[in-house]
Every structure is written in C-alpha cells, then in structure tokens.
Amino acid sequence: MSGKIKHLQMYKGNFRVRMGVPAKCRQHLIPPHTGKSELVRGLGTANQTVAGKLAAPFIAEFHAIIEQARREAVPMEWQHYRVPPQPYNGFGGARLGRTQVPVGTQ
C-alpha cells in the first residue's frame, strides 16, 4: 500500500479512523454522536495495510453521517428553471431543469 490514507491515525499503538465534523453540523448528528466535534472509531490493529482495509467502511459511514447532518442543518428545496437549448438541437423549445438550493433563496 503506498501513500497516506486520509482520516487514518496511529493512537496508542493502534490505528483508528478520526474525522472532524463541521461546526454547523454538530448539533444535527444522530445519537450518540450529537454535539461531537470528531467521529472516532478504533480499528484494533497496528498494521497499516490491515488498518487501511478495515477503515474503508467506517470512513464511508462517517461521511454519510456528516452528509445527513449537513442536509438537516441547511434545508434544501428544488428550484425549477427553463434553459434554451445550447447548442441548438433542431427540435426547438426549451429544456427544463432543476437544482437544489437552500430554502428561501430565489
């Protein structure tokens, strides 16, 4: 395994996954993580190769938890718009589109 794995840290002789939580998301984390500034999970191994393999599902889980908290911290809504076709495709008319924006914005 080459390179350094992000969020992997050696602590007291074993590796652990450690991921920081943005301040605006901390109060929206699911229990038992509510209010924490970091998400941490011990891997129980001192071998970096094994730790890298064990860390992947925990890193994905932590990313999902933080993303869910981010969505709750800033509610989003769909904004619909019409865009003329670029370049002209020969069928005429306009394309419909949508994007997510924070609630209350135009």
C-alpha atoms as a PDB file:
ATOM      1  CA  MET A   1       0.000   0.000   0.000  1.00  0.00           C
ATOM      2  CA  SER A   2       1.523   3.318  -1.000  1.00  0.00           C
ATOM      3  CA  GLY A   3       0.611   6.768   0.207  1.00  0.00           C
ATOM      4  CA  LYS A   4      -1.119   8.023   3.288  1.00  0.00           C
ATOM      5  CA  ILE A   5      -4.760   7.182   3.920  1.00  0.00           C
ATOM      6  CA  LYS A   6      -6.796  10.222   4.878  1.00  0.00           C
ATOM      7  CA  HIS A   7      -8.544  10.008   8.293  1.00  0.00           C
ATOM      8  CA  LEU A   8      -6.292   7.148   9.485  1.00  0.00           C
ATOM      9  CA  GLN A   9      -4.325   7.902  12.641  1.00  0.00           C
ATOM     10  CA  MET A  10      -1.941   5.934  14.865  1.00  0.00           C
ATOM     11  CA  TYR A  11      -3.046   6.280  18.505  1.00  0.00           C
ATOM     12  CA  LYS A  12      -1.530   4.424  21.474  1.00  0.00           C
ATOM     13  CA  GLY A  13      -0.020   1.735  19.261  1.00  0.00           C
ATOM     14  CA  ASN A  14      -3.126   1.015  17.160  1.00  0.00           C
ATOM     15  CA  PHE A  15      -4.739   2.688  14.195  1.00  0.00           C
ATOM     16  CA  ARG A  16      -8.055   4.498  14.348  1.00  0.00           C
ATOM     17  CA  VAL A  17     -10.330   6.406  11.984  1.00  0.00           C
ATOM     18  CA  ARG A  18     -10.712  10.034  13.003  1.00  0.00           C
ATOM     19  CA  MET A  19     -12.855  12.530  11.092  1.00  0.00           C
ATOM     20  CA  GLY A  20     -13.648  16.134  12.014  1.00  0.00           C
ATOM     21  CA  VAL A  21     -17.245  17.422  11.950  1.00  0.00           C
ATOM     22  CA  PRO A  22     -18.037  20.955  10.687  1.00  0.00           C
ATOM     23  CA  ALA A  23     -19.334  23.239  13.458  1.00  0.00           C
ATOM     24  CA  LYS A  24     -22.695  23.878  11.757  1.00  0.00           C
ATOM     25  CA  CYS A  25     -23.411  20.116  11.601  1.00  0.00           C
ATOM     26  CA  ARG A  26     -22.547  19.049  15.157  1.00  0.00           C
ATOM     27  CA  GLN A  27     -25.999  19.604  16.675  1.00  0.00           C
ATOM     28  CA  HIS A  28     -27.641  17.672  13.824  1.00  0.00           C
ATOM     29  CA  LEU A  29     -25.600  14.461  14.166  1.00  0.00           C
ATOM     30  CA  ILE A  30     -27.501  11.285  15.012  1.00  0.00           C
ATOM     31  CA  PRO A  31     -27.229   9.977  18.605  1.00  0.00           C
ATOM     32  CA  PRO A  32     -24.815   9.035  20.168  1.00  0.00           C
ATOM     33  CA  HIS A  33     -22.668  11.439  18.129  1.00  0.00           C
ATOM     34  CA  THR A  34     -24.775  14.589  18.715  1.00  0.00           C
ATOM     35  CA  GLY A  35     -22.620  17.608  19.538  1.00  0.00           C
ATOM     36  CA  LYS A  36     -19.263  15.903  18.955  1.00  0.00           C
ATOM     37  CA  SER A  37     -16.514  17.716  17.066  1.00  0.00           C
ATOM     38  CA  GLU A  38     -14.923  14.468  15.815  1.00  0.00           C
ATOM     39  CA  LEU A  39     -16.089  10.984  14.884  1.00  0.00           C
ATOM     40  CA  VAL A  40     -13.607   8.319  16.048  1.00  0.00           C
ATOM     41  CA  ARG A  41     -13.508   4.533  15.686  1.00  0.00           C
ATOM     42  CA  GLY A  42     -10.659   2.279  16.839  1.00  0.00           C
ATOM     43  CA  LEU A  43      -9.540  -0.414  14.392  1.00  0.00           C
ATOM     44  CA  GLY A  44      -7.651  -2.650  16.837  1.00  0.00           C
ATOM     45  CA  THR A  45      -4.597  -3.222  14.663  1.00  0.00           C
ATOM     46  CA  ALA A  46      -1.078  -1.810  14.418  1.00  0.00           C
ATOM     47  CA  ASN A  47      -0.638  -2.981  10.805  1.00  0.00           C
ATOM     48  CA  GLN A  48      -1.166  -0.114   8.357  1.00  0.00           C
ATOM     49  CA  THR A  49      -2.191  -2.363   5.458  1.00  0.00           C
ATOM     50  CA  VAL A  50      -4.860  -4.113   7.517  1.00  0.00           C
ATOM     51  CA  ALA A  51      -5.971  -0.792   9.016  1.00  0.00           C
ATOM     52  CA  GLY A  52      -6.451   0.669   5.545  1.00  0.00           C
ATOM     53  CA  LYS A  53      -8.751  -2.196   4.600  1.00  0.00           C
ATOM     54  CA  LEU A  54     -10.678  -2.040   7.881  1.00  0.00           C
ATOM     55  CA  ALA A  55     -11.031   1.754   7.708  1.00  0.00           C
ATOM     56  CA  ALA A  56     -12.913   1.986   4.394  1.00  0.00           C
ATOM     57  CA  PRO A  57     -16.428   1.115   5.672  1.00  0.00           C
ATOM     58  CA  PHE A  58     -16.051   3.371   8.734  1.00  0.00           C
ATOM     59  CA  ILE A  59     -14.884   6.298   6.609  1.00  0.00           C
ATOM     60  CA  ALA A  60     -17.897   5.797   4.321  1.00  0.00           C
ATOM     61  CA  GLU A  61     -20.234   5.596   7.342  1.00  0.00           C
ATOM     62  CA  PHE A  62     -18.787   8.782   8.865  1.00  0.00           C
ATOM     63  CA  HIS A  63     -19.132  10.616   5.531  1.00  0.00           C
ATOM     64  CA  ALA A  64     -22.798   9.527   5.347  1.00  0.00           C
ATOM     65  CA  ILE A  65     -23.482  10.667   8.927  1.00  0.00           C
ATOM     66  CA  ILE A  66     -21.898  14.078   8.290  1.00  0.00           C
ATOM     67  CA  GLU A  67     -23.724  14.482   4.960  1.00  0.00           C
ATOM     68  CA  GLN A  68     -27.069  13.708   6.622  1.00  0.00           C
ATOM     69  CA  ALA A  69     -26.325  16.286   9.337  1.00  0.00           C
ATOM     70  CA  ARG A  70     -25.324  18.835   6.678  1.00  0.00           C
ATOM     71  CA  ARG A  71     -28.681  18.366   4.918  1.00  0.00           C
ATOM     72  CA  GLU A  72     -30.568  18.855   8.187  1.00  0.00           C
ATOM     73  CA  ALA A  73     -28.510  21.935   9.098  1.00  0.00           C
ATOM     74  CA  VAL A  74     -29.296  23.650   5.771  1.00  0.00           C
ATOM     75  CA  PRO A  75     -32.688  22.518   4.411  1.00  0.00           C
ATOM     76  CA  MET A  76     -32.805  22.404   0.620  1.00  0.00           C
ATOM     77  CA  GLU A  77     -35.632  22.687  -1.908  1.00  0.00           C
ATOM     78  CA  TRP A  78     -35.885  22.066  -5.642  1.00  0.00           C
ATOM     79  CA  GLN A  79     -35.725  25.108  -7.919  1.00  0.00           C
ATOM     80  CA  HIS A  80     -37.100  24.592 -11.441  1.00  0.00           C
ATOM     81  CA  TYR A  81     -35.934  26.628 -14.417  1.00  0.00           C
ATOM     82  CA  ARG A  82     -36.117  26.740 -18.204  1.00  0.00           C
ATOM     83  CA  VAL A  83     -32.980  26.885 -20.306  1.00  0.00           C
ATOM     84  CA  PRO A  84     -32.882  27.391 -24.066  1.00  0.00           C
ATOM     85  CA  PRO A  85     -31.102  24.506 -25.775  1.00  0.00           C
ATOM     86  CA  GLN A  86     -27.381  25.115 -26.265  1.00  0.00           C
ATOM     87  CA  PRO A  87     -26.300  24.427 -28.925  1.00  0.00           C
ATOM     88  CA  TYR A  88     -29.478  24.372 -30.980  1.00  0.00           C
ATOM     89  CA  ASN A  89     -30.541  20.744 -31.340  1.00  0.00           C
ATOM     90  CA  GLY A  90     -33.092  21.117 -34.137  1.00  0.00           C
ATOM     91  CA  PHE A  91     -36.121  20.196 -32.043  1.00  0.00           C
ATOM     92  CA  GLY A  92     -36.832  23.713 -30.759  1.00  0.00           C
ATOM     93  CA  GLY A  93     -38.323  24.554 -27.409  1.00  0.00           C
ATOM     94  CA  ALA A  94     -36.567  24.850 -24.114  1.00  0.00           C
ATOM     95  CA  ARG A  95     -35.129  22.286 -21.762  1.00  0.00           C
ATOM     96  CA  LEU A  96     -36.493  22.021 -18.269  1.00  0.00           C
ATOM     97  CA  GLY A  97     -34.035  21.718 -15.442  1.00  0.00           C
ATOM     98  CA  ARG A  98     -33.883  21.666 -11.688  1.00  0.00           C
ATOM     99  CA  THR A  99     -31.337  22.127  -8.956  1.00  0.00           C
ATOM    100  CA  GLN A 100     -31.320  22.090  -5.174  1.00  0.00           C
ATOM    101  CA  VAL A 101     -30.905  25.420  -3.406  1.00  0.00           C
ATOM    102  CA  PRO A 102     -31.238  26.458   0.261  1.00  0.00           C
ATOM    103  CA  VAL A 103     -34.823  27.116   1.361  1.00  0.00           C
ATOM    104  CA  GLY A 104     -35.935  30.711   0.819  1.00  0.00           C
ATOM    105  CA  THR A 105     -33.469  31.646  -1.944  1.00  0.00           C
ATOM    106  CA  GLN A 106     -34.558  32.611  -5.422  1.00  0.00           C
END
